[in-house]
Amino acid sequence: MKKLLCFLFLVIYVAAFSQLKIISWNVENLGKSKSDSTITYIAKTLKNYDVVALQEIVAGYGGTQAVAKLAEELSRKGSKWDYVVSEPTTGSSYKTERYAFLWKTSSVKKTGEAWLEKKYNLEIDREPYYCTFSYNDKSVTLVNFHAITKSKQPETEIKYFKFLPLEYPLLNLMFIGDFNCPQSHTVFNPLKKMGYASVFKNQKTTLKKECKKNVCLASEFDNIWYNTFKIKVKNCDVIHFYKDFKDLKSAEEISDHIPIWVEIELN
């Protein structure tokens, strides 16, 4: 009886104090061009997380199919995974693409339907993709985003993010993805004044064409923004996956960005 009570206490303790692990990755044109071995490698990289946010899913044929294949591969690794893929983004001035979320069904539950941003879809070229997840009876809404390239001035669309917390006052928004813009840019100041903070500072996330003096990363583009009143960051890091390959050209068959991840507690 004593052993049973200890076991039950341990289960309750783990459930109460366990943390949610979220990973984001710009997977660079995930579609039919990605080989089975590439999908397997991506699954191996993602398998230890609870929720995955992906950017740069091919809008045409092959994108959704690649995400489905990735979910199948993840489910072969010990846990059941589910996924959702967005419709193609609607902006006309730059290439359209899809977003995707994948999640471990034993860890989190998807709440309601995922959706592309509707109000600011004209101002934001690849409008963000929202999905709400429930974890230990608390919720977080991930806002998956891929900004226009640096040369096109991504700050001109990121500036609309300051309106989104007011647009969705009942949701605990976490902005996640490839902003093509460093967290130090003044365009993020309105979010900071609302109590948002970036998980990463001065962390480069894009691959150079070649490593020079062991420096292989180029730009500080990928990040995660969270509401400090509603979320506690317990741990975070990036994955230098390119070290598994003989050179950066080989690594870029997977992606030209590295994954970023965060472990959180919901208040």
Protein backbone atom coordinates (compact mmCIF):
# COMPACT_ATOMS: atom_id res chain seq x y z
CA MET A 1 0.00 0.00 0.00
CA LYS A 2 2.84 2.36 0.88
CA LYS A 3 4.55 1.71 -2.47
CA LEU A 4 1.27 2.36 -4.30
CA LEU A 5 0.80 5.70 -2.51
CA CYS A 6 4.37 6.72 -3.34
CA PHE A 7 3.81 5.82 -6.99
CA LEU A 8 0.56 7.81 -7.15
CA PHE A 9 2.25 10.81 -5.53
CA LEU A 10 5.03 10.62 -8.10
CA VAL A 11 2.54 10.50 -10.98
CA ILE A 12 0.62 13.49 -9.60
CA TYR A 13 3.86 15.41 -8.99
CA VAL A 14 5.15 14.81 -12.52
CA ALA A 15 1.79 15.78 -14.04
CA ALA A 16 1.62 18.96 -11.97
CA PHE A 17 5.17 20.17 -12.50
CA SER A 18 6.12 18.76 -15.88
CA GLN A 19 6.86 21.33 -18.54
CA LEU A 20 5.83 21.81 -22.14
CA LYS A 21 8.58 21.53 -24.73
CA ILE A 22 8.03 23.44 -27.98
CA ILE A 23 10.32 23.48 -31.01
CA SER A 24 10.27 25.68 -34.11
CA TRP A 25 12.04 25.08 -37.39
CA ASN A 26 12.11 26.72 -40.79
CA VAL A 27 12.51 23.50 -42.77
CA GLU A 28 13.23 25.21 -46.12
CA ASN A 29 10.76 24.10 -48.76
CA LEU A 30 9.49 20.95 -47.09
CA GLY A 31 7.82 19.07 -49.92
CA LYS A 32 8.34 16.36 -52.50
CA SER A 33 12.00 17.35 -52.96
CA LYS A 34 12.82 16.12 -49.45
CA SER A 35 14.02 12.51 -49.49
CA ASP A 36 12.79 9.78 -47.15
CA SER A 37 16.14 9.92 -45.34
CA THR A 38 15.69 13.66 -44.82
CA ILE A 39 12.20 13.13 -43.35
CA THR A 40 13.62 10.44 -41.08
CA TYR A 41 16.40 12.78 -39.91
CA ILE A 42 13.93 15.61 -39.22
CA ALA A 43 11.72 13.22 -37.21
CA LYS A 44 14.72 12.07 -35.18
CA THR A 45 15.51 15.71 -34.39
CA LEU A 46 11.93 16.55 -33.32
CA LYS A 47 10.83 13.41 -31.48
CA ASN A 48 11.64 14.56 -27.93
CA TYR A 49 9.38 17.62 -28.04
CA ASP A 50 5.66 18.00 -27.35
CA VAL A 51 4.69 20.56 -30.00
CA VAL A 52 6.41 21.37 -33.29
CA ALA A 53 5.92 24.55 -35.34
CA LEU A 54 7.22 24.39 -38.92
CA GLN A 55 7.63 27.13 -41.50
CA GLU A 56 8.27 26.91 -45.26
CA ILE A 57 5.98 24.03 -46.13
CA VAL A 58 5.56 23.93 -49.90
CA ALA A 59 2.19 25.42 -50.91
CA GLY A 60 1.71 23.18 -53.93
CA TYR A 61 1.55 19.42 -54.23
CA GLY A 62 3.94 17.65 -51.90
CA GLY A 63 3.93 19.99 -48.91
CA THR A 64 1.01 18.55 -46.97
CA GLN A 65 2.09 15.04 -47.97
CA ALA A 66 5.58 15.64 -46.55
CA VAL A 67 4.12 16.76 -43.21
CA ALA A 68 1.90 13.66 -43.13
CA LYS A 69 4.95 11.50 -43.81
CA LEU A 70 6.82 13.28 -41.03
CA ALA A 71 3.96 12.64 -38.58
CA GLU A 72 3.97 8.95 -39.53
CA GLU A 73 7.71 8.76 -38.98
CA LEU A 74 7.39 10.46 -35.59
CA SER A 75 4.63 8.03 -34.58
CA ARG A 76 6.98 5.12 -35.30
CA LYS A 77 9.34 6.40 -32.63
CA GLY A 78 7.27 5.48 -29.57
CA SER A 79 4.55 8.15 -29.26
CA LYS A 80 1.44 8.95 -31.29
CA TRP A 81 1.62 12.25 -33.18
CA ASP A 82 -1.04 14.30 -34.94
CA TYR A 83 -0.68 17.29 -37.24
CA VAL A 84 -2.43 20.16 -38.97
CA VAL A 85 -1.32 22.07 -42.07
CA SER A 86 -2.51 25.53 -43.08
CA GLU A 87 -4.01 26.58 -46.36
CA PRO A 88 -1.49 28.46 -48.53
CA THR A 89 -0.77 31.99 -47.33
CA THR A 90 -2.55 34.63 -49.40
CA GLY A 91 0.03 37.37 -49.97
CA SER A 92 0.75 38.10 -53.62
CA SER A 93 4.00 40.08 -53.42
CA TYR A 94 6.08 37.10 -52.31
CA LYS A 95 5.92 33.34 -52.62
CA THR A 96 3.08 31.65 -50.79
CA GLU A 97 3.69 28.71 -48.47
CA ARG A 98 2.02 26.69 -45.75
CA TYR A 99 2.65 26.35 -42.03
CA ALA A 100 2.34 23.19 -39.95
CA PHE A 101 1.94 22.13 -36.34
CA LEU A 102 2.64 18.62 -35.08
CA TRP A 103 2.02 17.46 -31.53
CA LYS A 104 2.44 14.46 -29.29
CA THR A 105 -1.14 13.46 -28.43
CA SER A 106 -0.18 12.00 -25.04
CA SER A 107 1.22 15.39 -23.98
CA VAL A 108 -1.12 18.03 -25.36
CA LYS A 109 -4.55 18.43 -26.90
CA LYS A 110 -5.42 20.71 -29.79
CA THR A 111 -8.30 23.04 -28.89
CA GLY A 112 -10.65 24.10 -31.68
CA GLU A 113 -9.56 24.73 -35.25
CA ALA A 114 -6.29 26.26 -36.39
CA TRP A 115 -6.59 29.36 -38.57
CA LEU A 116 -4.65 31.82 -40.69
CA GLU A 117 -4.82 35.46 -39.57
CA LYS A 118 -7.78 37.11 -41.31
CA LYS A 119 -7.79 40.76 -40.26
CA TYR A 120 -4.19 41.58 -41.18
CA ASN A 121 -3.78 39.22 -44.12
CA LEU A 122 -3.32 42.16 -46.50
CA GLU A 123 -0.72 43.88 -44.33
CA ILE A 124 1.21 40.69 -43.55
CA ASP A 125 2.31 38.86 -46.69
CA ARG A 126 2.51 35.34 -45.21
CA GLU A 127 -0.13 35.82 -42.56
CA PRO A 128 0.54 33.89 -39.32
CA TYR A 129 -1.11 30.59 -38.47
CA TYR A 130 -2.69 30.10 -35.04
CA CYS A 131 -3.29 26.92 -33.10
CA THR A 132 -4.33 26.56 -29.46
CA PHE A 133 -3.00 23.71 -27.34
CA SER A 134 -4.23 22.59 -23.94
CA TYR A 135 -1.68 21.33 -21.43
CA ASN A 136 -2.41 20.46 -17.79
CA ASP A 137 -5.76 22.29 -18.13
CA LYS A 138 -4.04 25.49 -19.30
CA SER A 139 -3.82 26.81 -22.83
CA VAL A 140 -1.32 28.51 -25.10
CA THR A 141 -1.94 29.70 -28.65
CA LEU A 142 1.07 29.42 -30.92
CA VAL A 143 1.28 32.03 -33.66
CA ASN A 144 3.41 30.46 -36.38
CA PHE A 145 5.05 33.05 -38.64
CA HIS A 146 7.49 33.46 -41.51
CA ALA A 147 8.26 37.08 -42.37
CA ILE A 148 9.21 38.45 -45.75
CA THR A 149 12.97 38.47 -46.38
CA LYS A 150 15.28 41.05 -44.81
CA SER A 151 15.68 42.90 -48.13
CA LYS A 152 11.92 43.48 -48.22
CA GLN A 153 11.90 45.01 -44.72
CA PRO A 154 10.06 42.50 -42.50
CA GLU A 155 9.54 45.22 -39.88
CA THR A 156 6.85 46.71 -42.15
CA GLU A 157 4.64 43.71 -41.38
CA ILE A 158 5.92 42.77 -37.90
CA LYS A 159 4.68 46.19 -36.73
CA TYR A 160 1.12 44.81 -36.90
CA PHE A 161 1.88 42.20 -34.25
CA LYS A 162 1.29 44.82 -31.54
CA PHE A 163 -2.42 44.66 -32.42
CA LEU A 164 -2.78 40.88 -32.13
CA PRO A 165 -2.90 40.56 -28.31
CA LEU A 166 -5.77 43.08 -28.38
CA GLU A 167 -7.40 41.24 -31.27
CA TYR A 168 -7.39 38.00 -29.24
CA PRO A 169 -7.64 39.18 -25.60
CA LEU A 170 -8.75 35.79 -24.28
CA LEU A 171 -5.82 33.89 -25.79
CA ASN A 172 -2.32 33.37 -24.40
CA LEU A 173 -0.37 34.17 -27.56
CA MET A 174 3.16 32.94 -28.18
CA PHE A 175 4.74 34.22 -31.42
CA ILE A 176 7.07 31.65 -32.92
CA GLY A 177 9.01 31.25 -36.15
CA ASP A 178 11.28 33.02 -38.61
CA PHE A 179 11.02 36.81 -38.28
CA ASN A 180 13.92 37.61 -40.64
CA CYS A 181 14.64 40.31 -38.09
CA PRO A 182 16.66 40.36 -34.83
CA GLN A 183 14.89 40.70 -31.48
CA SER A 184 16.81 43.93 -30.84
CA HIS A 185 14.92 45.77 -33.62
CA THR A 186 12.73 48.61 -32.39
CA VAL A 187 9.70 47.11 -34.17
CA PHE A 188 9.38 44.72 -31.21
CA ASN A 189 9.27 47.54 -28.62
CA PRO A 190 5.45 47.70 -28.48
CA LEU A 191 5.30 43.98 -27.67
CA LYS A 192 7.98 44.43 -25.02
CA LYS A 193 5.92 47.21 -23.41
CA MET A 194 2.98 44.78 -23.22
CA GLY A 195 5.10 42.33 -21.23
CA TYR A 196 6.38 40.15 -24.07
CA ALA A 197 9.98 38.98 -24.14
CA SER A 198 12.06 37.02 -26.63
CA VAL A 199 13.35 33.61 -25.60
CA PHE A 200 16.63 34.18 -27.44
CA LYS A 201 18.97 37.18 -27.55
CA ASN A 202 21.93 37.47 -29.90
CA GLN A 203 21.39 33.89 -31.10
CA LYS A 204 22.11 33.42 -34.81
CA THR A 205 19.98 30.77 -36.50
CA THR A 206 20.74 30.73 -40.23
CA LEU A 207 23.55 28.80 -41.90
CA LYS A 208 26.43 30.48 -43.68
CA LYS A 209 27.51 29.15 -47.06
CA GLU A 210 30.61 27.79 -45.35
CA CYS A 211 32.09 27.85 -41.87
CA LYS A 212 34.89 30.31 -41.26
CA LYS A 213 37.04 29.88 -38.14
CA ASN A 214 34.35 27.55 -36.78
CA VAL A 215 31.67 30.23 -37.21
CA CYS A 216 28.84 28.62 -39.17
CA LEU A 217 25.80 30.78 -38.38
CA ALA A 218 24.94 34.04 -40.11
CA SER A 219 21.80 35.88 -38.92
CA GLU A 220 19.63 36.26 -35.84
CA PHE A 221 16.24 35.57 -37.45
CA ASP A 222 14.34 32.79 -35.64
CA ASN A 223 12.85 33.44 -32.22
CA ILE A 224 9.96 32.91 -29.81
CA TRP A 225 8.06 35.75 -28.10
CA TYR A 226 6.04 34.99 -24.97
CA ASN A 227 3.89 36.84 -22.44
CA THR A 228 5.97 37.05 -19.26
CA PHE A 229 2.82 37.41 -17.12
CA LYS A 230 1.41 34.11 -18.34
CA ILE A 231 4.43 31.96 -19.19
CA LYS A 232 7.65 31.01 -17.42
CA VAL A 233 10.61 29.92 -19.53
CA LYS A 234 12.41 27.07 -17.76
CA ASN A 235 14.93 26.14 -20.44
CA CYS A 236 15.81 26.90 -24.06
CA ASP A 237 18.44 26.16 -26.66
CA VAL A 238 19.13 25.70 -30.36
CA ILE A 239 20.11 22.51 -32.18
CA HIS A 240 23.31 22.70 -34.22
CA PHE A 241 22.15 19.89 -36.51
CA TYR A 242 24.67 20.80 -39.21
CA LYS A 243 27.40 19.26 -37.07
CA ASP A 244 26.01 15.87 -38.09
CA PHE A 245 27.08 16.52 -41.69
CA LYS A 246 30.42 16.72 -43.44
CA ASP A 247 29.82 20.29 -44.64
CA LEU A 248 27.15 22.99 -44.72
CA LYS A 249 26.15 22.17 -48.28
CA SER A 250 25.14 18.69 -47.14
CA ALA A 251 23.36 20.11 -44.09
CA GLU A 252 21.35 22.48 -46.29
CA GLU A 253 19.63 19.48 -47.84
CA ILE A 254 17.79 19.44 -44.50
CA SER A 255 17.47 23.22 -44.02
CA ASP A 256 19.32 26.52 -44.04
CA HIS A 257 18.03 27.29 -40.52
CA ILE A 258 18.68 25.54 -37.21
CA PRO A 259 15.79 24.54 -34.91
CA ILE A 260 15.08 26.55 -31.76
CA TRP A 261 13.29 25.18 -28.70
CA VAL A 262 11.87 26.27 -25.39
CA GLU A 263 10.58 24.52 -22.29
CA ILE A 264 7.80 26.45 -20.52
CA GLU A 265 5.41 26.45 -17.59
CA LEU A 266 1.97 28.00 -18.06
CA ASN A 267 0.90 30.23 -15.16
